[in-house]
């Protein structure tokens, strides 16, 4: 084999391996609007259980849901000690925010935060999101890892209102759009009445 042909094939092989490696990198989770209802001031009770507010004798209205997942970079490496925040409207479609009347369900926390463990895992207890005029059901999420930040929204897989949601459909790439649609399913544990949902954010 001539030197030039050997050089070409070696280079082509390297290019192929590079291309495969590039394709193997996970797609970065799409950025979505922060929205107008991010808390102006973080509530005193801002833990990972949004269904209960400290000092109040009652629980939130809605379908309780265990939302969990794993935060990684594009190579699949877990990101530990990242701050994960979520916020959403209550079961009546109102946010705990002065621009939305402060919320209807006083037993719903409305906002929560947690920190990923050594394996990048996070977990919240909240309610299944509901629709309000102009928007499909969704949960806002912010992930902060040092100088890196992701703001996105989580939607319900198979929800008919998704087709008319202007923010979700602003994502033109179908695969990217579908990455924000999550199944809210019954637990496999027969003694568990809460729904389970999994969302794995990927930071660039």
N, C-alpha and C. Protein backbone atom coordinates (compact mmCIF):
# COMPACT_ATOMS: atom_id res chain seq x y z
N UNK A 1 0.85 -1.19 0.00
CA UNK A 1 0.00 0.00 0.00
C UNK A 1 0.88 1.24 0.00
N UNK A 2 0.57 2.19 -0.81
CA UNK A 2 1.37 3.41 -0.89
C UNK A 2 1.22 4.21 0.38
N UNK A 3 2.24 5.05 0.65
CA UNK A 3 2.23 5.87 1.85
C UNK A 3 1.04 6.82 1.86
N UNK A 4 0.74 7.40 0.68
CA UNK A 4 -0.35 8.37 0.63
C UNK A 4 -1.69 7.70 0.94
N UNK A 5 -1.87 6.45 0.40
CA UNK A 5 -3.12 5.74 0.66
C UNK A 5 -3.23 5.35 2.14
N UNK A 6 -2.08 4.89 2.72
CA UNK A 6 -2.08 4.51 4.12
C UNK A 6 -2.40 5.72 5.00
N UNK A 7 -1.82 6.85 4.66
CA UNK A 7 -2.06 8.08 5.41
C UNK A 7 -3.53 8.47 5.34
N UNK A 8 -4.11 8.35 4.13
CA UNK A 8 -5.52 8.70 3.94
C UNK A 8 -6.43 7.82 4.79
N UNK A 9 -6.16 6.49 4.74
CA UNK A 9 -7.01 5.55 5.47
C UNK A 9 -6.89 5.75 6.98
N UNK A 10 -5.65 6.02 7.43
CA UNK A 10 -5.45 6.27 8.86
C UNK A 10 -6.21 7.51 9.30
N UNK A 11 -6.13 8.54 8.47
CA UNK A 11 -6.85 9.78 8.77
C UNK A 11 -8.34 9.57 8.76
N UNK A 12 -8.83 8.77 7.79
CA UNK A 12 -10.27 8.50 7.68
C UNK A 12 -10.76 7.73 8.91
N UNK A 13 -9.92 6.76 9.35
CA UNK A 13 -10.28 5.98 10.53
C UNK A 13 -10.39 6.87 11.75
N UNK A 14 -9.43 7.78 11.89
CA UNK A 14 -9.46 8.71 13.02
C UNK A 14 -10.68 9.60 12.97
N UNK A 15 -11.05 10.04 11.77
CA UNK A 15 -12.21 10.89 11.59
C UNK A 15 -13.48 10.14 11.97
N UNK A 16 -13.54 8.86 11.58
CA UNK A 16 -14.71 8.05 11.89
C UNK A 16 -14.87 7.88 13.39
N UNK A 17 -13.74 7.58 14.07
CA UNK A 17 -13.79 7.42 15.51
C UNK A 17 -14.20 8.71 16.18
N UNK A 18 -13.70 9.84 15.66
CA UNK A 18 -14.06 11.14 16.22
C UNK A 18 -15.54 11.40 16.04
N UNK A 19 -16.07 11.04 14.85
CA UNK A 19 -17.48 11.26 14.57
C UNK A 19 -18.36 10.43 15.49
N UNK A 20 -17.97 9.15 15.70
CA UNK A 20 -18.73 8.28 16.58
C UNK A 20 -18.71 8.84 18.00
N UNK A 21 -17.55 9.30 18.44
CA UNK A 21 -17.44 9.86 19.78
C UNK A 21 -18.31 11.10 19.91
N UNK A 22 -18.36 11.91 18.85
CA UNK A 22 -19.18 13.12 18.88
C UNK A 22 -20.65 12.77 18.98
N UNK A 23 -21.06 11.75 18.21
CA UNK A 23 -22.46 11.34 18.23
C UNK A 23 -22.85 10.77 19.58
N UNK A 24 -21.86 10.17 20.28
CA UNK A 24 -22.14 9.54 21.57
C UNK A 24 -22.38 10.58 22.66
N UNK A 25 -21.95 11.80 22.45
CA UNK A 25 -22.14 12.85 23.44
C UNK A 25 -23.62 13.18 23.54
N UNK A 26 -24.09 13.30 24.75
CA UNK A 26 -25.52 13.56 24.96
C UNK A 26 -25.90 14.96 24.49
N UNK A 27 -27.12 15.09 24.06
CA UNK A 27 -27.64 16.38 23.63
C UNK A 27 -27.91 17.26 24.86
N UNK A 28 -27.44 18.50 24.81
CA UNK A 28 -27.65 19.42 25.93
C UNK A 28 -29.15 19.70 26.07
N UNK A 29 -29.64 19.70 27.29
CA UNK A 29 -31.05 19.99 27.54
C UNK A 29 -31.39 21.39 27.05
N UNK A 30 -32.47 21.54 26.28
CA UNK A 30 -32.83 22.85 25.73
C UNK A 30 -33.10 23.89 26.82
N UNK A 31 -32.68 25.09 26.53
CA UNK A 31 -32.93 26.22 27.42
C UNK A 31 -34.36 26.70 27.20
N UNK A 32 -35.05 27.03 28.28
CA UNK A 32 -36.40 27.58 28.22
C UNK A 32 -36.46 28.85 29.07
N UNK A 33 -37.48 29.64 28.84
CA UNK A 33 -37.63 30.91 29.54
C UNK A 33 -37.73 30.72 31.05
N UNK A 34 -37.11 31.65 31.79
CA UNK A 34 -37.24 31.66 33.25
C UNK A 34 -38.69 31.94 33.64
N UNK A 35 -39.38 32.72 32.82
CA UNK A 35 -40.77 33.06 33.10
C UNK A 35 -40.88 34.19 34.10
N UNK A 36 -42.08 34.73 34.26
CA UNK A 36 -42.27 35.89 35.14
C UNK A 36 -42.48 35.54 36.61
N UNK A 37 -42.53 34.24 36.94
CA UNK A 37 -42.94 33.86 38.30
C UNK A 37 -41.83 33.21 39.12
N UNK A 38 -40.57 33.41 38.73
CA UNK A 38 -39.48 32.96 39.59
C UNK A 38 -39.55 33.80 40.86
N UNK A 39 -39.38 33.19 42.03
CA UNK A 39 -39.58 33.93 43.29
C UNK A 39 -38.75 35.21 43.37
N UNK A 40 -39.40 36.30 43.77
CA UNK A 40 -38.67 37.54 44.01
C UNK A 40 -37.79 37.40 45.25
N UNK A 41 -38.30 36.64 46.21
CA UNK A 41 -37.56 36.35 47.43
C UNK A 41 -37.81 34.89 47.76
N UNK A 42 -36.74 34.13 47.96
CA UNK A 42 -36.90 32.70 48.23
C UNK A 42 -37.64 32.49 49.54
N UNK A 43 -38.63 31.60 49.53
CA UNK A 43 -39.40 31.36 50.76
C UNK A 43 -38.53 30.75 51.85
N UNK A 44 -38.94 30.99 53.11
CA UNK A 44 -38.20 30.42 54.24
C UNK A 44 -38.18 28.90 54.13
N UNK A 45 -39.33 28.32 53.81
CA UNK A 45 -39.42 26.88 53.60
C UNK A 45 -39.23 26.61 52.11
N UNK A 46 -38.04 26.20 51.75
CA UNK A 46 -37.75 25.97 50.32
C UNK A 46 -37.04 24.64 50.13
N UNK A 47 -37.44 23.64 50.93
CA UNK A 47 -36.82 22.33 50.82
C UNK A 47 -37.38 21.57 49.63
N UNK A 48 -37.03 20.29 49.53
CA UNK A 48 -37.39 19.50 48.34
C UNK A 48 -38.79 18.90 48.40
N UNK A 49 -39.53 19.14 49.48
CA UNK A 49 -40.92 18.68 49.58
C UNK A 49 -41.85 19.87 49.43
N UNK A 50 -42.45 20.00 48.25
CA UNK A 50 -43.31 21.15 47.97
C UNK A 50 -44.75 20.92 48.42
N UNK A 51 -45.05 19.72 48.90
CA UNK A 51 -46.43 19.39 49.25
C UNK A 51 -46.79 19.75 50.69
N UNK A 52 -45.81 20.27 51.42
CA UNK A 52 -46.02 20.58 52.84
C UNK A 52 -45.25 21.84 53.17
N UNK A 53 -45.89 22.75 53.89
CA UNK A 53 -45.26 24.00 54.30
C UNK A 53 -45.08 23.98 55.81
N UNK A 54 -43.86 24.20 56.27
CA UNK A 54 -43.58 24.21 57.71
C UNK A 54 -44.49 25.19 58.43
N UNK A 55 -45.05 24.74 59.54
CA UNK A 55 -45.88 25.61 60.36
C UNK A 55 -47.35 25.59 59.99
N UNK A 56 -47.71 24.84 58.95
CA UNK A 56 -49.11 24.77 58.53
C UNK A 56 -49.61 23.33 58.63
N UNK A 57 -50.82 23.19 59.13
CA UNK A 57 -51.40 21.86 59.33
C UNK A 57 -52.25 21.46 58.14
N UNK A 58 -51.61 21.00 57.11
CA UNK A 58 -52.33 20.57 55.92
C UNK A 58 -51.35 20.22 54.82
N UNK A 59 -51.85 19.58 53.79
CA UNK A 59 -51.03 19.22 52.64
C UNK A 59 -51.59 19.84 51.38
N UNK A 60 -50.74 19.97 50.40
CA UNK A 60 -51.13 20.58 49.13
C UNK A 60 -52.22 19.78 48.44
N UNK A 61 -53.03 20.48 47.65
CA UNK A 61 -53.99 19.83 46.77
C UNK A 61 -53.27 19.41 45.50
N UNK A 62 -53.62 18.26 44.95
CA UNK A 62 -53.00 17.82 43.70
C UNK A 62 -52.55 16.38 43.76
N UNK A 63 -52.08 15.90 42.63
CA UNK A 63 -51.59 14.53 42.53
C UNK A 63 -50.12 14.51 42.92
N UNK A 64 -49.83 13.96 44.08
CA UNK A 64 -48.46 13.96 44.57
C UNK A 64 -47.56 13.18 43.62
N UNK A 65 -46.38 13.74 43.41
CA UNK A 65 -45.44 13.18 42.43
C UNK A 65 -44.02 13.20 42.97
N UNK A 66 -43.32 12.10 42.78
CA UNK A 66 -41.89 12.04 43.09
C UNK A 66 -41.13 12.34 41.80
N UNK A 67 -40.55 13.50 41.75
CA UNK A 67 -39.75 13.91 40.59
C UNK A 67 -38.28 13.71 40.92
N UNK A 68 -37.60 12.91 40.13
CA UNK A 68 -36.19 12.64 40.39
C UNK A 68 -35.43 12.58 39.07
N UNK A 69 -34.13 12.50 39.19
CA UNK A 69 -33.30 12.41 37.99
C UNK A 69 -31.84 12.53 38.33
N UNK A 70 -31.05 12.66 37.27
CA UNK A 70 -29.58 12.71 37.41
C UNK A 70 -29.05 13.82 36.51
N UNK A 71 -28.26 14.69 37.08
CA UNK A 71 -27.66 15.79 36.33
C UNK A 71 -26.28 15.34 35.83
N UNK A 72 -26.06 15.46 34.52
CA UNK A 72 -24.79 15.05 33.93
C UNK A 72 -24.30 16.10 32.96
N UNK A 73 -23.02 15.93 32.52
CA UNK A 73 -22.53 16.73 31.41
C UNK A 73 -22.72 15.92 30.13
N UNK A 74 -22.23 16.45 29.01
CA UNK A 74 -22.47 15.79 27.73
C UNK A 74 -21.77 14.45 27.59
N UNK A 75 -20.73 14.23 28.39
CA UNK A 75 -20.03 12.95 28.34
C UNK A 75 -20.72 11.89 29.19
N UNK A 76 -21.74 12.31 29.93
CA UNK A 76 -22.44 11.38 30.81
C UNK A 76 -21.91 11.37 32.23
N UNK A 77 -20.90 12.18 32.51
CA UNK A 77 -20.33 12.24 33.86
C UNK A 77 -21.30 12.95 34.80
N UNK A 78 -21.53 12.40 35.99
CA UNK A 78 -22.45 13.05 36.92
C UNK A 78 -21.89 14.37 37.44
N UNK A 79 -22.78 15.29 37.71
CA UNK A 79 -22.39 16.59 38.27
C UNK A 79 -22.88 16.63 39.71
N UNK A 80 -21.94 16.55 40.64
CA UNK A 80 -22.31 16.54 42.05
C UNK A 80 -22.32 17.97 42.60
N UNK A 81 -23.06 18.14 43.68
CA UNK A 81 -23.17 19.42 44.38
C UNK A 81 -23.75 20.55 43.53
N UNK A 82 -24.48 20.19 42.49
CA UNK A 82 -25.19 21.21 41.71
C UNK A 82 -26.48 21.57 42.44
N UNK A 83 -26.85 22.83 42.38
CA UNK A 83 -28.12 23.24 42.99
C UNK A 83 -29.24 23.08 41.96
N UNK A 84 -30.28 22.39 42.34
CA UNK A 84 -31.43 22.18 41.46
C UNK A 84 -32.63 22.87 42.10
N UNK A 85 -33.28 23.74 41.36
CA UNK A 85 -34.46 24.45 41.84
C UNK A 85 -35.65 24.13 40.94
N UNK A 86 -36.83 24.00 41.53
CA UNK A 86 -38.04 23.88 40.73
C UNK A 86 -39.09 24.84 41.29
N UNK A 87 -39.97 25.30 40.43
CA UNK A 87 -41.12 26.10 40.86
C UNK A 87 -42.25 25.88 39.86
N UNK A 88 -43.48 25.98 40.34
CA UNK A 88 -44.63 25.70 39.49
C UNK A 88 -45.89 26.29 40.12
N UNK A 89 -46.95 26.34 39.33
CA UNK A 89 -48.22 26.82 39.88
C UNK A 89 -48.83 25.73 40.76
N UNK A 90 -49.79 26.12 41.59
CA UNK A 90 -50.48 25.14 42.43
C UNK A 90 -51.56 24.42 41.62
N UNK A 91 -52.33 23.57 42.27
CA UNK A 91 -53.34 22.77 41.58
C UNK A 91 -54.48 23.60 41.01
N UNK A 92 -54.54 24.88 41.40
CA UNK A 92 -55.58 25.78 40.90
C UNK A 92 -55.05 26.72 39.81
N UNK A 93 -53.79 26.50 39.41
CA UNK A 93 -53.21 27.28 38.32
C UNK A 93 -52.61 28.60 38.74
N UNK A 94 -52.36 28.79 40.03
CA UNK A 94 -51.83 30.06 40.54
C UNK A 94 -50.43 29.86 41.11
N UNK A 95 -49.55 30.83 40.81
CA UNK A 95 -48.19 30.81 41.36
C UNK A 95 -48.14 31.55 42.69
N UNK A 96 -47.21 31.15 43.53
CA UNK A 96 -46.95 31.89 44.77
C UNK A 96 -46.02 33.05 44.43
N UNK A 97 -46.59 34.05 43.84
CA UNK A 97 -45.82 35.19 43.35
C UNK A 97 -46.73 36.41 43.34
N UNK A 98 -46.22 37.59 43.73
CA UNK A 98 -47.09 38.78 43.77
C UNK A 98 -47.72 39.14 42.42
N UNK A 99 -47.07 38.75 41.32
CA UNK A 99 -47.64 39.05 40.00
C UNK A 99 -48.79 38.12 39.64
N UNK A 100 -49.00 37.09 40.46
CA UNK A 100 -50.09 36.14 40.20
C UNK A 100 -50.98 35.99 41.43
N UNK A 101 -51.03 37.01 42.24
CA UNK A 101 -51.91 36.99 43.40
C UNK A 101 -51.38 36.24 44.61
N UNK A 102 -50.18 35.70 44.50
CA UNK A 102 -49.57 35.04 45.65
C UNK A 102 -49.94 33.60 45.85
N UNK A 103 -50.74 33.03 44.95
CA UNK A 103 -51.09 31.61 45.07
C UNK A 103 -52.41 31.41 45.79
N UNK A 104 -53.10 30.34 45.46
CA UNK A 104 -54.39 30.00 46.06
C UNK A 104 -54.21 28.97 47.16
N UNK A 105 -53.41 27.94 46.90
CA UNK A 105 -53.22 26.85 47.85
C UNK A 105 -52.11 27.21 48.82
N UNK A 106 -52.49 27.61 50.02
CA UNK A 106 -51.50 28.04 51.01
C UNK A 106 -50.71 26.87 51.59
N UNK A 107 -51.14 25.63 51.30
CA UNK A 107 -50.41 24.46 51.76
C UNK A 107 -49.39 23.97 50.73
N UNK A 108 -49.34 24.63 49.60
CA UNK A 108 -48.38 24.25 48.56
C UNK A 108 -47.20 25.21 48.60
N UNK A 109 -46.00 24.66 48.65
CA UNK A 109 -44.80 25.48 48.80
C UNK A 109 -44.50 26.32 47.55
N UNK A 110 -44.75 25.76 46.38
CA UNK A 110 -44.59 26.51 45.13
C UNK A 110 -43.18 26.54 44.57
N UNK A 111 -42.19 26.41 45.44
CA UNK A 111 -40.77 26.46 45.05
C UNK A 111 -40.01 25.53 45.98
N UNK A 112 -38.98 24.88 45.42
CA UNK A 112 -38.12 24.05 46.24
C UNK A 112 -36.73 23.95 45.63
N UNK A 113 -35.77 23.60 46.46
CA UNK A 113 -34.41 23.42 45.95
C UNK A 113 -33.73 22.28 46.70
N UNK A 114 -32.75 21.69 46.02
CA UNK A 114 -31.96 20.62 46.61
C UNK A 114 -30.59 20.62 45.96
N UNK A 115 -29.71 19.75 46.42
CA UNK A 115 -28.35 19.65 45.88
C UNK A 115 -28.12 18.22 45.42
N UNK A 116 -27.49 18.06 44.27
CA UNK A 116 -27.23 16.72 43.76
C UNK A 116 -26.20 16.00 44.63
N UNK A 117 -26.35 14.68 44.71
CA UNK A 117 -25.40 13.89 45.49
C UNK A 117 -24.16 13.57 44.64
N UNK A 118 -23.31 12.69 45.15
CA UNK A 118 -22.06 12.38 44.45
C UNK A 118 -22.28 11.76 43.08
N UNK A 119 -23.45 11.18 42.86
CA UNK A 119 -23.77 10.56 41.57
C UNK A 119 -24.64 11.46 40.69
N UNK A 120 -24.80 12.70 41.10
CA UNK A 120 -25.58 13.65 40.31
C UNK A 120 -27.08 13.54 40.49
N UNK A 121 -27.52 12.74 41.46
CA UNK A 121 -28.95 12.50 41.63
C UNK A 121 -29.62 13.61 42.44
N UNK A 122 -30.87 13.87 42.10
CA UNK A 122 -31.70 14.81 42.86
C UNK A 122 -33.09 14.19 43.03
N UNK A 123 -33.87 14.74 43.95
CA UNK A 123 -35.22 14.23 44.16
C UNK A 123 -36.10 15.30 44.79
N UNK A 124 -37.33 15.41 44.29
CA UNK A 124 -38.33 16.31 44.85
C UNK A 124 -39.63 15.56 45.08
N UNK A 125 -40.42 16.07 45.99
CA UNK A 125 -41.82 15.66 46.13
C UNK A 125 -42.66 16.88 45.80
N UNK A 126 -43.53 16.78 44.82
CA UNK A 126 -44.33 17.92 44.39
C UNK A 126 -45.68 17.41 43.91
N UNK A 127 -46.36 18.19 43.08
CA UNK A 127 -47.62 17.74 42.49
C UNK A 127 -47.47 17.68 40.97
N UNK A 128 -48.29 16.85 40.36
CA UNK A 128 -48.32 16.80 38.90
C UNK A 128 -48.75 18.17 38.39
N UNK A 129 -48.01 18.76 37.46
CA UNK A 129 -48.35 20.12 37.01
C UNK A 129 -49.69 20.17 36.30
N UNK A 130 -50.33 21.34 36.41
CA UNK A 130 -51.62 21.55 35.75
C UNK A 130 -51.49 22.71 34.76
N UNK A 131 -52.44 22.77 33.84
CA UNK A 131 -52.45 23.85 32.85
C UNK A 131 -53.06 25.11 33.45
N UNK A 132 -52.74 26.24 32.85
CA UNK A 132 -53.44 27.49 33.11
C UNK A 132 -53.54 28.21 31.77
N UNK A 133 -54.37 29.23 31.63
CA UNK A 133 -54.60 29.84 30.32
C UNK A 133 -53.30 30.21 29.59
N UNK A 134 -53.16 29.66 28.38
CA UNK A 134 -52.01 29.97 27.54
C UNK A 134 -50.83 29.02 27.68
N UNK A 135 -50.86 28.15 28.67
CA UNK A 135 -49.71 27.25 28.88
C UNK A 135 -50.16 25.82 29.15
N UNK A 136 -49.37 24.89 28.58
CA UNK A 136 -49.53 23.48 28.92
C UNK A 136 -48.97 23.25 30.33
N UNK A 137 -49.37 22.18 30.99
CA UNK A 137 -48.80 21.88 32.31
C UNK A 137 -47.28 21.79 32.24
N UNK A 138 -46.60 22.39 33.19
CA UNK A 138 -45.13 22.36 33.18
C UNK A 138 -44.58 22.66 34.56
N UNK A 139 -43.35 22.26 34.77
CA UNK A 139 -42.58 22.58 35.97
C UNK A 139 -41.32 23.30 35.52
N UNK A 140 -41.04 24.44 36.12
CA UNK A 140 -39.80 25.17 35.83
C UNK A 140 -38.64 24.53 36.59
N UNK A 141 -37.48 24.52 35.97
CA UNK A 141 -36.28 24.00 36.64
C UNK A 141 -35.08 24.87 36.32
N UNK A 142 -34.28 25.09 37.35
CA UNK A 142 -32.98 25.77 37.17
C UNK A 142 -31.91 24.89 37.80
N UNK A 143 -30.81 24.67 37.07
CA UNK A 143 -29.68 23.90 37.59
C UNK A 143 -28.46 24.81 37.56
N UNK A 144 -27.77 24.92 38.68
CA UNK A 144 -26.60 25.78 38.78
C UNK A 144 -25.41 24.96 39.24
N UNK A 145 -24.35 24.99 38.44
CA UNK A 145 -23.10 24.30 38.77
C UNK A 145 -21.96 25.27 38.53
N UNK A 146 -21.57 25.98 39.58
CA UNK A 146 -20.52 26.98 39.43
C UNK A 146 -20.95 28.06 38.45
N UNK A 147 -20.17 28.23 37.38
CA UNK A 147 -20.49 29.24 36.38
C UNK A 147 -21.49 28.74 35.34
N UNK A 148 -21.78 27.44 35.37
CA UNK A 148 -22.74 26.87 34.41
C UNK A 148 -24.15 26.94 34.97
N UNK A 149 -25.09 27.27 34.11
CA UNK A 149 -26.47 27.37 34.54
C UNK A 149 -27.40 26.89 33.43
N UNK A 150 -28.42 26.17 33.80
CA UNK A 150 -29.45 25.73 32.86
C UNK A 150 -30.81 26.13 33.41
N UNK A 151 -31.61 26.76 32.58
CA UNK A 151 -33.00 27.05 32.92
C UNK A 151 -33.87 26.36 31.88
N UNK A 152 -34.80 25.54 32.34
CA UNK A 152 -35.62 24.79 31.40
C UNK A 152 -37.00 24.55 32.00
N UNK A 153 -37.83 23.80 31.28
CA UNK A 153 -39.17 23.47 31.77
C UNK A 153 -39.46 22.01 31.44
N UNK A 154 -40.21 21.36 32.33
CA UNK A 154 -40.55 19.95 32.19
C UNK A 154 -42.04 19.85 31.85
N UNK A 155 -42.35 19.08 30.82
CA UNK A 155 -43.73 18.92 30.36
C UNK A 155 -44.18 17.48 30.54
N UNK A 156 -45.49 17.24 30.46
CA UNK A 156 -46.04 15.91 30.62
C UNK A 156 -46.10 15.21 29.27
N UNK A 157 -45.48 14.07 29.19
CA UNK A 157 -45.49 13.29 27.95
C UNK A 157 -46.92 12.87 27.61
N UNK A 158 -47.31 13.10 26.35
CA UNK A 158 -48.64 12.72 25.89
C UNK A 158 -49.74 13.71 26.23
N UNK A 159 -49.40 14.83 26.84
CA UNK A 159 -50.39 15.85 27.20
C UNK A 159 -50.87 16.57 25.93
N UNK A 160 -52.18 16.55 25.63
CA UNK A 160 -52.69 17.19 24.40
C UNK A 160 -52.35 18.68 24.30
N UNK A 161 -52.29 19.37 25.44
CA UNK A 161 -52.02 20.81 25.42
C UNK A 161 -50.60 21.14 24.95
N UNK A 162 -49.71 20.14 24.94
CA UNK A 162 -48.34 20.39 24.48
C UNK A 162 -48.31 20.91 23.05
N UNK A 163 -49.23 20.43 22.22
CA UNK A 163 -49.23 20.80 20.80
C UNK A 163 -49.48 22.29 20.60
N UNK A 164 -50.14 22.92 21.56
CA UNK A 164 -50.44 24.34 21.43
C UNK A 164 -49.59 25.24 22.29
N UNK A 165 -48.59 24.68 22.97
CA UNK A 165 -47.76 25.49 23.86
C UNK A 165 -46.68 26.20 23.06
N UNK A 166 -46.70 27.53 23.08
CA UNK A 166 -45.79 28.30 22.23
C UNK A 166 -44.34 28.15 22.63
N UNK A 167 -44.06 28.00 23.92
CA UNK A 167 -42.67 27.87 24.34
C UNK A 167 -42.10 26.50 23.99
N UNK A 168 -42.86 25.46 24.23
CA UNK A 168 -42.39 24.12 23.89
C UNK A 168 -42.17 24.00 22.39
N UNK A 169 -43.10 24.53 21.61
CA UNK A 169 -43.01 24.37 20.16
C UNK A 169 -42.07 25.36 19.49
N UNK A 170 -41.50 26.26 20.29
CA UNK A 170 -40.44 27.12 19.77
C UNK A 170 -39.16 26.33 19.56
N UNK A 171 -39.07 25.15 20.18
CA UNK A 171 -37.94 24.24 19.96
C UNK A 171 -38.20 23.48 18.68
N UNK A 172 -37.47 23.78 17.63
CA UNK A 172 -37.75 23.21 16.31
C UNK A 172 -37.29 21.76 16.18
N UNK A 173 -36.22 21.41 16.86
CA UNK A 173 -35.70 20.05 16.76
C UNK A 173 -36.60 19.11 17.57
N UNK A 174 -37.16 18.11 16.91
CA UNK A 174 -38.13 17.23 17.56
C UNK A 174 -37.52 16.45 18.72
N UNK A 175 -36.29 15.96 18.52
CA UNK A 175 -35.64 15.19 19.59
C UNK A 175 -35.40 16.06 20.82
N UNK A 176 -34.97 17.28 20.59
CA UNK A 176 -34.75 18.21 21.71
C UNK A 176 -36.06 18.52 22.41
N UNK A 177 -37.09 18.74 21.61
CA UNK A 177 -38.41 19.05 22.18
C UNK A 177 -38.92 17.89 23.03
N UNK A 178 -38.79 16.69 22.50
CA UNK A 178 -39.28 15.51 23.22
C UNK A 178 -38.48 15.23 24.49
N UNK A 179 -37.25 15.72 24.55
CA UNK A 179 -36.44 15.49 25.74
C UNK A 179 -37.00 16.21 26.97
N UNK A 180 -37.88 17.18 26.73
CA UNK A 180 -38.50 17.91 27.84
C UNK A 180 -39.84 17.31 28.25
N UNK A 181 -40.32 16.32 27.50
CA UNK A 181 -41.60 15.69 27.79
C UNK A 181 -41.37 14.41 28.61
N UNK A 182 -41.92 14.38 29.78
CA UNK A 182 -41.62 13.32 30.76
C UNK A 182 -42.90 12.56 31.11
N UNK A 183 -42.77 11.25 31.26
CA UNK A 183 -43.90 10.42 31.68
C UNK A 183 -44.14 10.59 33.18
N UNK A 184 -45.39 10.86 33.54
CA UNK A 184 -45.82 10.88 34.94
C UNK A 184 -46.64 9.62 35.14
N UNK A 185 -46.07 8.64 35.83
CA UNK A 185 -46.66 7.30 35.87
C UNK A 185 -46.92 6.84 37.30
N UNK A 186 -47.80 5.86 37.41
CA UNK A 186 -48.04 5.25 38.71
C UNK A 186 -46.80 4.49 39.16
N UNK A 187 -46.54 4.51 40.45
CA UNK A 187 -45.39 3.78 40.99
C UNK A 187 -45.58 2.28 40.82
N UNK A 188 -44.49 1.57 40.65
CA UNK A 188 -44.55 0.10 40.57
C UNK A 188 -44.77 -0.52 41.95
N UNK A 189 -44.62 0.29 42.99
CA UNK A 189 -44.86 -0.18 44.36
C UNK A 189 -46.37 -0.10 44.63
N UNK A 190 -47.03 -1.24 44.86
CA UNK A 190 -48.48 -1.23 45.07
C UNK A 190 -48.92 -0.44 46.31
N UNK A 191 -48.00 -0.22 47.25
CA UNK A 191 -48.32 0.54 48.46
C UNK A 191 -48.05 2.03 48.29
N UNK A 192 -47.59 2.42 47.13
CA UNK A 192 -47.23 3.82 46.86
C UNK A 192 -48.29 4.46 45.97
N UNK A 193 -48.94 5.50 46.47
CA UNK A 193 -50.01 6.15 45.71
C UNK A 193 -49.52 7.32 44.87
N UNK A 194 -48.28 7.74 45.09
CA UNK A 194 -47.76 8.89 44.36
C UNK A 194 -47.32 8.52 42.95
N UNK A 195 -47.39 9.49 42.05
CA UNK A 195 -46.85 9.30 40.72
C UNK A 195 -45.33 9.40 40.77
N UNK A 196 -44.68 8.89 39.75
CA UNK A 196 -43.23 9.05 39.64
C UNK A 196 -42.92 9.64 38.26
N UNK A 197 -41.92 10.49 38.23
CA UNK A 197 -41.48 11.11 36.98
C UNK A 197 -39.97 11.27 37.05
N UNK A 198 -39.31 11.08 35.92
CA UNK A 198 -37.85 11.19 35.88
C UNK A 198 -37.43 12.15 34.78
N UNK A 199 -36.54 13.08 35.17
CA UNK A 199 -36.02 14.05 34.22
C UNK A 199 -34.52 14.17 34.46
N UNK A 200 -33.72 13.92 33.42
CA UNK A 200 -32.26 13.92 33.53
C UNK A 200 -31.66 15.09 32.75
N UNK A 201 -31.41 16.22 33.41
CA UNK A 201 -30.85 17.38 32.71
C UNK A 201 -29.39 17.15 32.29
N UNK A 202 -29.05 17.64 31.11
CA UNK A 202 -27.68 17.55 30.60
C UNK A 202 -27.16 18.97 30.42
N UNK A 203 -26.06 19.30 31.10
CA UNK A 203 -25.46 20.62 31.01
C UNK A 203 -24.35 20.63 29.97
N UNK A 204 -24.26 21.72 29.24
CA UNK A 204 -23.22 21.87 28.23
C UNK A 204 -21.93 22.41 28.83
